[in-house]
């Protein structure tokens, strides 16, 4: 009844190492987490498990639209297709947990990259301060700064 979803798609040449639509990525991740919690709370019948399988496969397809080529390949290498037309509840829970775990790892990797970038920017700023940037003028051109020509408001970028 459902189509098999191919996880790997050819990335556009300009998005090889970028992620488009991070908001969409977050919405999919939150939807999957909520879906997993709901499955844990109440047992599902056959129709419910079939629906969960379809939602899971569509979520994988949607993720591929927003992930870069290298992340698509990584996700594809870790996810397995469902063997049965209607998987068991435990199979669905395992697939959901695997995907949610991968997404959480992705988010933590993004946070680590941002932290590293911020630390590098701080180091560059400190290096510039140690070199001693020239003091800027405090007044308009042609007029001395208040309190004399050498007084300034401080260094800023």
Protein backbone atom coordinates (compact mmCIF):
# COMPACT_ATOMS: atom_id res chain seq x y z
CA UNK A 1 0.00 0.00 0.00
CA UNK A 2 2.90 2.38 0.65
CA UNK A 3 5.73 3.32 -1.63
CA UNK A 4 9.31 2.71 -0.64
CA UNK A 5 11.04 6.02 0.01
CA UNK A 6 14.54 6.47 -1.35
CA UNK A 7 16.45 8.47 1.26
CA UNK A 8 19.35 9.62 -0.91
CA UNK A 9 18.57 12.33 -3.42
CA UNK A 10 21.02 14.09 -5.71
CA UNK A 11 21.93 17.33 -3.96
CA UNK A 12 21.92 20.57 -5.88
CA UNK A 13 25.49 21.62 -6.74
CA UNK A 14 25.37 24.74 -4.57
CA UNK A 15 24.05 22.98 -1.44
CA UNK A 16 26.67 20.28 -1.07
CA UNK A 17 27.72 21.44 2.39
CA UNK A 18 24.83 23.61 3.52
CA UNK A 19 21.54 23.01 5.23
CA UNK A 20 18.48 24.75 3.88
CA UNK A 21 15.40 25.45 5.95
CA UNK A 22 16.62 24.71 9.49
CA UNK A 23 13.12 25.59 10.75
CA UNK A 24 11.65 22.75 8.70
CA UNK A 25 14.29 20.41 10.11
CA UNK A 26 13.30 21.39 13.65
CA UNK A 27 9.58 20.95 12.93
CA UNK A 28 10.14 17.45 11.54
CA UNK A 29 12.30 16.49 14.52
CA UNK A 30 9.71 17.73 17.00
CA UNK A 31 6.90 15.97 15.14
CA UNK A 32 8.84 12.69 15.22
CA UNK A 33 9.55 13.06 18.92
CA UNK A 34 5.89 13.70 19.70
CA UNK A 35 4.85 10.78 17.53
CA UNK A 36 7.26 8.50 19.37
CA UNK A 37 5.91 9.64 22.74
CA UNK A 38 2.35 8.97 21.60
CA UNK A 39 3.24 5.45 20.45
CA UNK A 40 4.84 4.77 23.84
CA UNK A 41 1.73 5.94 25.71
CA UNK A 42 -0.86 3.87 23.89
CA UNK A 43 -0.70 0.64 21.92
CA UNK A 44 -1.41 0.97 18.21
CA UNK A 45 -3.54 -1.23 16.01
CA UNK A 46 -2.58 -2.35 12.52
CA UNK A 47 -3.98 0.76 10.83
CA UNK A 48 -2.13 2.98 13.28
CA UNK A 49 1.17 1.19 12.69
CA UNK A 50 0.68 1.46 8.93
CA UNK A 51 0.07 5.19 9.34
CA UNK A 52 3.18 5.54 11.52
CA UNK A 53 5.23 3.80 8.86
CA UNK A 54 3.96 6.21 6.19
CA UNK A 55 4.65 9.26 8.37
CA UNK A 56 8.14 7.96 9.13
CA UNK A 57 8.91 7.43 5.44
CA UNK A 58 7.55 10.85 4.49
CA UNK A 59 9.58 12.47 7.26
CA UNK A 60 12.72 10.84 5.83
CA UNK A 61 11.87 12.20 2.40
CA UNK A 62 11.25 15.69 3.80
CA UNK A 63 14.53 15.57 5.72
CA UNK A 64 16.38 14.81 2.51
CA UNK A 65 15.00 18.01 1.01
CA UNK A 66 16.65 20.15 3.69
CA UNK A 67 19.89 18.24 4.31
CA UNK A 68 23.14 18.67 2.44
CA UNK A 69 24.43 15.82 0.29
CA UNK A 70 26.89 14.58 2.90
CA UNK A 71 24.20 14.49 5.60
CA UNK A 72 21.81 12.72 3.23
CA UNK A 73 24.43 10.01 2.65
CA UNK A 74 25.04 9.65 6.38
CA UNK A 75 21.32 9.36 7.13
CA UNK A 76 20.85 6.89 4.29
CA UNK A 77 23.64 4.68 5.59
CA UNK A 78 22.01 4.53 9.04
CA UNK A 79 18.33 4.09 8.23
CA UNK A 80 16.85 0.81 7.14
CA UNK A 81 13.61 0.32 5.22
CA UNK A 82 10.74 -1.45 6.95
CA UNK A 83 10.65 -5.14 6.02
CA UNK A 84 6.93 -5.66 6.60
CA UNK A 85 4.05 -3.75 5.02
CA UNK A 86 2.76 -3.18 8.57
CA UNK A 87 5.68 -3.18 11.03
CA UNK A 88 5.29 -4.09 14.67
CA UNK A 89 5.10 -1.41 17.33
CA UNK A 90 8.59 -2.21 18.58
CA UNK A 91 10.06 -1.93 15.06
CA UNK A 92 8.44 1.47 14.65
CA UNK A 93 9.70 2.63 18.06
CA UNK A 94 13.24 1.53 17.24
CA UNK A 95 13.18 3.29 13.85
CA UNK A 96 11.79 6.45 15.45
CA UNK A 97 14.35 6.38 18.26
CA UNK A 98 17.17 5.91 15.77
CA UNK A 99 16.03 8.84 13.64
CA UNK A 100 15.41 11.11 16.63
CA UNK A 101 18.81 10.19 18.07
CA UNK A 102 20.47 11.04 14.76
CA UNK A 103 18.66 14.38 14.60
CA UNK A 104 19.67 15.21 18.19
CA UNK A 105 23.26 14.39 17.31
CA UNK A 106 22.98 16.67 14.29
CA UNK A 107 21.67 19.51 16.47
CA UNK A 108 24.47 18.99 18.99
CA UNK A 109 27.00 19.04 16.16
CA UNK A 110 25.57 22.33 14.93
CA UNK A 111 25.76 23.77 18.45
CA UNK A 112 29.37 22.62 18.78
CA UNK A 113 30.25 24.22 15.44
CA UNK A 114 28.65 27.51 16.50
CA UNK A 115 30.50 27.41 19.83
CA UNK A 116 33.79 26.80 18.01
CA UNK A 117 33.12 29.70 15.64
CA UNK A 118 32.34 31.99 18.55
CA UNK A 119 35.53 30.95 20.36
CA UNK A 120 37.59 31.63 17.22
CA UNK A 121 35.96 35.04 16.81
CA UNK A 122 36.78 35.86 20.45
CA UNK A 123 40.40 34.82 19.91
CA UNK A 124 40.64 37.01 16.82
CA UNK A 125 39.14 39.95 18.69
CA UNK A 126 41.57 39.45 21.58
CA UNK A 127 44.48 39.28 19.13
CA UNK A 128 43.38 42.55 17.54
CA UNK A 129 43.10 44.19 20.96
CA UNK A 130 46.59 42.99 21.91
CA UNK A 131 48.04 44.48 18.72
CA UNK A 132 46.56 47.80 19.79
CA UNK A 133 44.02 49.20 17.40
CA UNK A 134 44.31 52.93 16.70
CA UNK A 135 42.21 55.13 18.94
CA UNK A 136 39.24 56.60 17.08
CA UNK A 137 38.18 60.26 17.04
CA UNK A 138 35.50 61.24 19.51
CA UNK A 139 34.38 64.38 17.71
CA UNK A 140 33.37 65.47 14.23
CA UNK A 141 36.11 65.93 11.61
CA UNK A 142 38.08 69.15 12.00
CA UNK A 143 37.12 69.62 15.64
CA UNK A 144 39.12 68.36 18.58
CA UNK A 145 37.48 65.90 20.91
CA UNK A 146 36.05 67.26 24.16
CA UNK A 147 38.77 67.62 26.75
CA UNK A 148 41.56 67.90 24.20
CA UNK A 149 42.75 66.31 21.00
CA UNK A 150 43.95 63.05 22.63
CA UNK A 151 40.85 62.08 24.57
CA UNK A 152 38.71 59.34 23.05
CA UNK A 153 35.61 57.36 23.84
CA UNK A 154 37.49 54.07 23.72
CA UNK A 155 38.05 51.28 21.27
CA UNK A 156 35.19 49.66 19.49
CA UNK A 157 34.55 47.74 16.30
